[in-house]
PDB file of N, CA and C in Angstrom:
ATOM      1  N   MET A   1       7.585  17.808   6.909  1.00  0.00           N
ATOM      2  CA  MET A   1       7.017  16.385   8.224  1.00  0.00           C
ATOM      3  C   MET A   1       6.359  15.497   7.421  1.00  0.00           C
ATOM      4  N   LYS A   2       6.229  14.739   8.600  1.00  0.00           N
ATOM      5  CA  LYS A   2       6.129  13.701   8.145  1.00  0.00           C
ATOM      6  C   LYS A   2       4.814  13.559   7.378  1.00  0.00           C
ATOM      7  N   GLU A   3       3.580  13.875   9.051  1.00  0.00           N
ATOM      8  CA  GLU A   3       2.590  14.017   8.810  1.00  0.00           C
ATOM      9  C   GLU A   3       2.174  15.101   7.023  1.00  0.00           C
ATOM     10  N   ASP A   4       2.800  15.483   6.635  1.00  0.00           N
ATOM     11  CA  ASP A   4       2.535  16.073   5.586  1.00  0.00           C
ATOM     12  C   ASP A   4       3.064  14.843   3.852  1.00  0.00           C
ATOM     13  N   ALA A   5       3.947  13.607   4.468  1.00  0.00           N
ATOM     14  CA  ALA A   5       4.883  13.112   3.382  1.00  0.00           C
ATOM     15  C   ALA A   5       3.001  11.822   3.269  1.00  0.00           C
ATOM     16  N   ILE A   6       2.840  11.158   4.395  1.00  0.00           N
ATOM     17  CA  ILE A   6       1.986  10.004   5.101  1.00  0.00           C
ATOM     18  C   ILE A   6       1.086   9.787   2.958  1.00  0.00           C
ATOM     19  N   PRO A   7       0.393  10.585   3.146  1.00  0.00           N
ATOM     20  CA  PRO A   7      -0.787  10.718   2.556  1.00  0.00           C
ATOM     21  C   PRO A   7       0.133  10.427   1.421  1.00  0.00           C
ATOM     22  N   LEU A   8       0.784  11.368   0.369  1.00  0.00           N
ATOM     23  CA  LEU A   8       1.504  11.800  -1.114  1.00  0.00           C
ATOM     24  C   LEU A   8       2.052   9.795  -1.424  1.00  0.00           C
ATOM     25  N   PHE A   9       2.264   9.438  -0.011  1.00  0.00           N
ATOM     26  CA  PHE A   9       2.820   8.295  -0.022  1.00  0.00           C
ATOM     27  C   PHE A   9       2.148   6.980  -0.351  1.00  0.00           C
ATOM     28  N   LEU A  10       1.061   7.165   0.588  1.00  0.00           N
ATOM     29  CA  LEU A  10      -0.255   6.780   0.561  1.00  0.00           C
ATOM     30  C   LEU A  10      -0.631   6.644  -0.770  1.00  0.00           C
ATOM     31  N   SER A  11      -0.529   7.346  -1.276  1.00  0.00           N
ATOM     32  CA  SER A  11      -1.248   7.859  -2.838  1.00  0.00           C
ATOM     33  C   SER A  11      -0.560   6.560  -3.941  1.00  0.00           C
ATOM     34  N   PHE A  12       0.928   7.235  -3.425  1.00  0.00           N
ATOM     35  CA  PHE A  12       2.106   6.412  -4.467  1.00  0.00           C
ATOM     36  C   PHE A  12       1.245   4.699  -4.007  1.00  0.00           C
ATOM     37  N   CYS A  13       1.495   4.138  -3.218  1.00  0.00           N
ATOM     38  CA  CYS A  13       1.645   3.038  -3.004  1.00  0.00           C
ATOM     39  C   CYS A  13      -0.277   2.012  -3.181  1.00  0.00           C
ATOM     40  N   ILE A  14      -1.308   3.387  -3.019  1.00  0.00           N
ATOM     41  CA  ILE A  14      -1.813   2.870  -3.686  1.00  0.00           C
ATOM     42  C   ILE A  14      -1.616   2.352  -5.276  1.00  0.00           C
ATOM     43  N   GLU A  15      -0.680   3.225  -6.264  1.00  0.00           N
ATOM     44  CA  GLU A  15      -0.895   3.567  -7.914  1.00  0.00           C
ATOM     45  C   GLU A  15       0.258   2.497  -8.305  1.00  0.00           C
ATOM     46  N   GLN A  16       1.050   2.291  -7.120  1.00  0.00           N
ATOM     47  CA  GLN A  16       1.865   0.575  -7.007  1.00  0.00           C
ATOM     48  C   GLN A  16       1.349  -0.469  -6.732  1.00  0.00           C
ATOM     49  N   TYR A  17       0.559  -0.613  -6.132  1.00  0.00           N
ATOM     50  CA  TYR A  17      -0.412  -1.367  -5.939  1.00  0.00           C
ATOM     51  C   TYR A  17      -1.276  -2.532  -7.176  1.00  0.00           C
ATOM     52  N   LYS A  18      -1.902  -0.906  -7.624  1.00  0.00           N
ATOM     53  CA  LYS A  18      -2.896  -0.952  -9.151  1.00  0.00           C
ATOM     54  C   LYS A  18      -1.947  -1.714 -10.272  1.00  0.00           C
ATOM     55  N   ASP A  19      -1.864  -0.479 -10.132  1.00  0.00           N
ATOM     56  CA  ASP A  19      -0.422  -1.254 -11.748  1.00  0.00           C
ATOM     57  C   ASP A  19      -0.231  -2.060 -11.516  1.00  0.00           C
ATOM     58  N   MET A  20       0.740  -2.990 -10.275  1.00  0.00           N
ATOM     59  CA  MET A  20       1.086  -4.982 -10.321  1.00  0.00           C
ATOM     60  C   MET A  20      -0.096  -5.043 -10.359  1.00  0.00           C
ATOM     61  N   LYS A  21      -1.501  -5.196 -10.616  1.00  0.00           N
ATOM     62  CA  LYS A  21      -2.201  -5.997 -10.496  1.00  0.00           C
ATOM     63  C   LYS A  21      -2.706  -6.161 -11.259  1.00  0.00           C
ATOM     64  N   SER A  22      -2.703  -4.690 -12.003  1.00  0.00           N
ATOM     65  CA  SER A  22      -3.415  -4.225 -13.182  1.00  0.00           C
ATOM     66  C   SER A  22      -4.394  -4.260 -12.935  1.00  0.00           C
ATOM     67  N   ILE A  23      -5.285  -3.303 -12.223  1.00  0.00           N
ATOM     68  CA  ILE A  23      -6.384  -2.940 -11.380  1.00  0.00           C
ATOM     69  C   ILE A  23      -6.610  -1.416 -11.189  1.00  0.00           C
ATOM     70  N   SER A  24      -8.257  -1.231 -11.275  1.00  0.00           N
ATOM     71  CA  SER A  24      -8.385  -0.194 -10.921  1.00  0.00           C
ATOM     72  C   SER A  24      -8.029   0.827  -9.773  1.00  0.00           C
ATOM     73  N   GLY A  25      -7.687   2.347  -9.381  1.00  0.00           N
ATOM     74  CA  GLY A  25      -7.752   2.930  -8.257  1.00  0.00           C
ATOM     75  C   GLY A  25      -8.927   2.413  -7.152  1.00  0.00           C
ATOM     76  N   LYS A  26     -10.009   2.346  -7.686  1.00  0.00           N
ATOM     77  CA  LYS A  26     -11.108   1.959  -6.769  1.00  0.00           C
ATOM     78  C   LYS A  26     -11.514   0.682  -6.407  1.00  0.00           C
ATOM     79  N   ASP A  27     -10.757  -0.807  -7.175  1.00  0.00           N
ATOM     80  CA  ASP A  27     -10.645  -1.368  -6.363  1.00  0.00           C
ATOM     81  C   ASP A  27      -8.943  -2.239  -6.039  1.00  0.00           C
ATOM     82  N   ALA A  28      -8.608  -1.219  -6.543  1.00  0.00           N
ATOM     83  CA  ALA A  28      -7.046  -1.092  -5.106  1.00  0.00           C
ATOM     84  C   ALA A  28      -7.733  -0.416  -3.468  1.00  0.00           C
ATOM     85  N   MET A  29      -8.182   0.393  -3.814  1.00  0.00           N
ATOM     86  CA  MET A  29      -8.567   0.979  -2.658  1.00  0.00           C
ATOM     87  C   MET A  29      -9.621   0.180  -1.396  1.00  0.00           C
ATOM     88  N   GLU A  30     -10.576  -0.160  -2.822  1.00  0.00           N
ATOM     89  CA  GLU A  30     -11.589  -0.793  -1.590  1.00  0.00           C
ATOM     90  C   GLU A  30     -10.567  -2.590  -0.894  1.00  0.00           C
ATOM     91  N   ILE A  31      -9.346  -3.008  -2.290  1.00  0.00           N
ATOM     92  CA  ILE A  31      -8.968  -4.485  -1.135  1.00  0.00           C
ATOM     93  C   ILE A  31      -7.760  -3.610  -0.087  1.00  0.00           C
ATOM     94  N   LEU A  32      -7.108  -2.402  -0.602  1.00  0.00           N
ATOM     95  CA  LEU A  32      -6.059  -2.086   0.559  1.00  0.00           C
ATOM     96  C   LEU A  32      -6.765  -1.428   1.816  1.00  0.00           C
ATOM     97  N   SER A  33      -7.805  -0.927   1.582  1.00  0.00           N
ATOM     98  CA  SER A  33      -8.711  -1.014   2.931  1.00  0.00           C
ATOM     99  C   SER A  33      -9.452  -1.548   3.799  1.00  0.00           C
ATOM    100  N   ALA A  34      -9.625  -2.482   3.304  1.00  0.00           N
ATOM    101  CA  ALA A  34     -10.489  -3.946   3.479  1.00  0.00           C
ATOM    102  C   ALA A  34      -9.476  -4.570   4.825  1.00  0.00           C
ATOM    103  N   THR A  35      -8.241  -4.423   3.675  1.00  0.00           N
ATOM    104  CA  THR A  35      -7.546  -5.662   4.536  1.00  0.00           C
ATOM    105  C   THR A  35      -6.561  -5.180   5.490  1.00  0.00           C
ATOM    106  N   GLY A  36      -6.305  -3.781   5.713  1.00  0.00           N
ATOM    107  CA  GLY A  36      -5.481  -2.941   6.796  1.00  0.00           C
ATOM    108  C   GLY A  36      -4.453  -2.613   5.860  1.00  0.00           C
ATOM    109  N   ALA A  37      -4.465  -3.020   4.721  1.00  0.00           N
ATOM    110  CA  ALA A  37      -3.040  -2.575   4.582  1.00  0.00           C
ATOM    111  C   ALA A  37      -2.739  -0.960   4.297  1.00  0.00           C
ATOM    112  N   LEU A  38      -3.884  -0.202   4.256  1.00  0.00           N
ATOM    113  CA  LEU A  38      -3.409   1.001   4.737  1.00  0.00           C
ATOM    114  C   LEU A  38      -2.523   1.761   5.967  1.00  0.00           C
ATOM    115  N   GLU A  39      -3.841   1.124   6.983  1.00  0.00           N
ATOM    116  CA  GLU A  39      -3.152   1.306   8.262  1.00  0.00           C
ATOM    117  C   GLU A  39      -1.589   0.616   8.735  1.00  0.00           C
ATOM    118  N   TYR A  40      -1.386  -0.570   8.021  1.00  0.00           N
ATOM    119  CA  TYR A  40       0.570  -1.413   8.278  1.00  0.00           C
ATOM    120  C   TYR A  40       0.874  -0.099   7.454  1.00  0.00           C
ATOM    121  N   LEU A  41       1.257   0.500   5.711  1.00  0.00           N
ATOM    122  CA  LEU A  41       2.236   1.425   5.778  1.00  0.00           C
ATOM    123  C   LEU A  41       1.782   2.912   6.053  1.00  0.00           C
ATOM    124  N   VAL A  42       1.420   3.029   7.166  1.00  0.00           N
ATOM    125  CA  VAL A  42       0.971   5.059   8.093  1.00  0.00           C
ATOM    126  C   VAL A  42       1.829   4.099   8.627  1.00  0.00           C
ATOM    127  N   ASP A  43       1.390   2.778   9.097  1.00  0.00           N
ATOM    128  CA  ASP A  43       2.526   2.364  10.986  1.00  0.00           C
ATOM    129  C   ASP A  43       3.704   1.422  10.562  1.00  0.00           C
ATOM    130  N   ASN A  44       3.907   2.211   9.330  1.00  0.00           N
ATOM    131  CA  ASN A  44       5.842   1.395   9.210  1.00  0.00           C
ATOM    132  C   ASN A  44       6.196   2.453   7.761  1.00  0.00           C
ATOM    133  N   TYR A  45       5.631   3.433   7.408  1.00  0.00           N
ATOM    134  CA  TYR A  45       6.340   4.727   6.925  1.00  0.00           C
ATOM    135  C   TYR A  45       7.299   4.020   7.060  1.00  0.00           C
ATOM    136  N   GLU A  46       8.189   4.775   8.408  1.00  0.00           N
ATOM    137  CA  GLU A  46       9.469   5.517   8.363  1.00  0.00           C
ATOM    138  C   GLU A  46      10.626   4.491   7.728  1.00  0.00           C
ATOM    139  N   VAL A  47      10.120   3.111   7.899  1.00  0.00           N
ATOM    140  CA  VAL A  47      10.905   1.320   7.054  1.00  0.00           C
ATOM    141  C   VAL A  47      10.679   1.330   5.708  1.00  0.00           C
ATOM    142  N   ILE A  48       9.066   1.250   5.381  1.00  0.00           N
ATOM    143  CA  ILE A  48       8.881   1.722   4.283  1.00  0.00           C
ATOM    144  C   ILE A  48       8.794   2.247   3.233  1.00  0.00           C
ATOM    145  N   HIS A  49       8.419   3.530   3.529  1.00  0.00           N
ATOM    146  CA  HIS A  49       8.808   4.522   2.530  1.00  0.00           C
ATOM    147  C   HIS A  49      10.881   4.505   1.561  1.00  0.00           C
ATOM    148  N   THR A  50      10.980   3.747   2.544  1.00  0.00           N
ATOM    149  CA  THR A  50      12.948   3.980   2.214  1.00  0.00           C
ATOM    150  C   THR A  50      13.146   3.450   0.648  1.00  0.00           C
ATOM    151  N   GLN A  51      12.185   1.976   0.696  1.00  0.00           N
ATOM    152  CA  GLN A  51      12.323   0.915  -0.600  1.00  0.00           C
ATOM    153  C   GLN A  51      12.101   1.211  -1.896  1.00  0.00           C
ATOM    154  N   GLY A  52      12.005   0.257  -2.181  1.00  0.00           N
ATOM    155  CA  GLY A  52      12.208   1.152  -4.064  1.00  0.00           C
ATOM    156  C   GLY A  52      10.742   0.588  -4.139  1.00  0.00           C
ATOM    157  N   PRO A  53      10.391   1.150  -5.303  1.00  0.00           N
ATOM    158  CA  PRO A  53       8.852   1.169  -5.946  1.00  0.00           C
ATOM    159  C   PRO A  53       8.667  -0.221  -5.942  1.00  0.00           C
ATOM    160  N   GLN A  54       9.055  -1.288  -6.733  1.00  0.00           N
ATOM    161  CA  GLN A  54       9.178  -2.824  -6.863  1.00  0.00           C
ATOM    162  C   GLN A  54       8.516  -3.376  -5.533  1.00  0.00           C
ATOM    163  N   TRP A  55       9.719  -3.403  -4.907  1.00  0.00           N
ATOM    164  CA  TRP A  55       9.842  -3.795  -3.058  1.00  0.00           C
ATOM    165  C   TRP A  55       8.215  -3.209  -2.661  1.00  0.00           C
ATOM    166  N   ILE A  56       8.052  -1.897  -2.431  1.00  0.00           N
ATOM    167  CA  ILE A  56       7.315  -1.702  -2.700  1.00  0.00           C
ATOM    168  C   ILE A  56       5.729  -2.854  -2.931  1.00  0.00           C
ATOM    169  N   ALA A  57       5.392  -2.446  -3.523  1.00  0.00           N
ATOM    170  CA  ALA A  57       4.367  -3.409  -4.458  1.00  0.00           C
ATOM    171  C   ALA A  57       3.746  -4.790  -3.983  1.00  0.00           C
ATOM    172  N   GLU A  58       5.459  -5.481  -3.751  1.00  0.00           N
ATOM    173  CA  GLU A  58       5.516  -7.253  -3.427  1.00  0.00           C
ATOM    174  C   GLU A  58       5.265  -6.727  -2.025  1.00  0.00           C
ATOM    175  N   GLU A  59       5.435  -6.289  -1.193  1.00  0.00           N
ATOM    176  CA  GLU A  59       4.940  -6.448   0.076  1.00  0.00           C
ATOM    177  C   GLU A  59       4.442  -6.016   0.655  1.00  0.00           C
ATOM    178  N   ILE A  60       3.116  -5.386  -0.095  1.00  0.00           N
ATOM    179  CA  ILE A  60       1.503  -4.592  -0.559  1.00  0.00           C
ATOM    180  C   ILE A  60       1.055  -6.302  -0.476  1.00  0.00           C
ATOM    181  N   ASP A  61       1.619  -6.796  -1.873  1.00  0.00           N
ATOM    182  CA  ASP A  61       0.415  -7.957  -2.494  1.00  0.00           C
ATOM    183  C   ASP A  61       1.096  -9.130  -1.050  1.00  0.00           C
ATOM    184  N   GLU A  62       2.333  -9.442  -0.945  1.00  0.00           N
ATOM    185  CA  GLU A  62       2.096  -9.483   0.013  1.00  0.00           C
ATOM    186  C   GLU A  62       1.517  -9.692   1.546  1.00  0.00           C
ATOM    187  N   TYR A  63       0.589  -8.582   2.755  1.00  0.00           N
ATOM    188  CA  TYR A  63       0.741  -8.451   3.135  1.00  0.00           C
ATOM    189  C   TYR A  63      -1.070  -8.688   2.811  1.00  0.00           C
ATOM    190  N   VAL A  64      -1.812  -8.316   1.711  1.00  0.00           N
ATOM    191  CA  VAL A  64      -2.942  -8.312   1.205  1.00  0.00           C
ATOM    192  C   VAL A  64      -2.689  -9.844   1.252  1.00  0.00           C
ATOM    193  N   ASN A  65      -2.200 -10.767   0.252  1.00  0.00           N
ATOM    194  CA  ASN A  65      -2.379 -11.628   0.602  1.00  0.00           C
ATOM    195  C   ASN A  65      -2.548 -12.875   1.628  1.00  0.00           C
ATOM    196  N   THR A  66      -2.119 -12.243   3.392  1.00  0.00           N
ATOM    197  CA  THR A  66      -2.110 -12.763   4.274  1.00  0.00           C
ATOM    198  C   THR A  66      -2.470 -12.273   5.441  1.00  0.00           C
ATOM    199  N   HIS A  67      -3.482 -11.055   4.526  1.00  0.00           N
ATOM    200  CA  HIS A  67      -4.647 -10.720   5.297  1.00  0.00           C
ATOM    201  C   HIS A  67      -6.207 -10.872   4.350  1.00  0.00           C
ATOM    202  N   LYS A  68      -5.997 -11.726   3.711  1.00  0.00           N
ATOM    203  CA  LYS A  68      -7.636 -11.499   3.101  1.00  0.00           C
ATOM    204  C   LYS A  68      -8.646 -11.554   3.618  1.00  0.00           C
ATOM    205  N   ALA A  69     -10.039 -11.612   3.728  1.00  0.00           N
ATOM    206  CA  ALA A  69     -11.040 -12.372   4.635  1.00  0.00           C
ATOM    207  C   ALA A  69     -11.213 -13.540   4.246  1.00  0.00           C
ATOM    208  N   GLU A  70     -11.668 -14.834   4.096  1.00  0.00           N
ATOM    209  CA  GLU A  70     -11.530 -16.152   4.937  1.00  0.00           C
ATOM    210  C   GLU A  70     -13.010 -16.336   3.781  1.00  0.00           C
TER     211      GLU A  70
END
């Protein structure tokens, strides 16, 4: 079921972003939460989860960069 897969997918995304940025999981979670990236990932799960790890990390980074608090 999709509902069961989403938490695993979010965990995967957090790990990918954390590794890309060389930051802690806690820092990655705070950034993704503060920018709305977690909701974005859930809302767009159907499309995003079909992509490769590097593409996903880059997509998250782009989203975060365009949604940072001023």
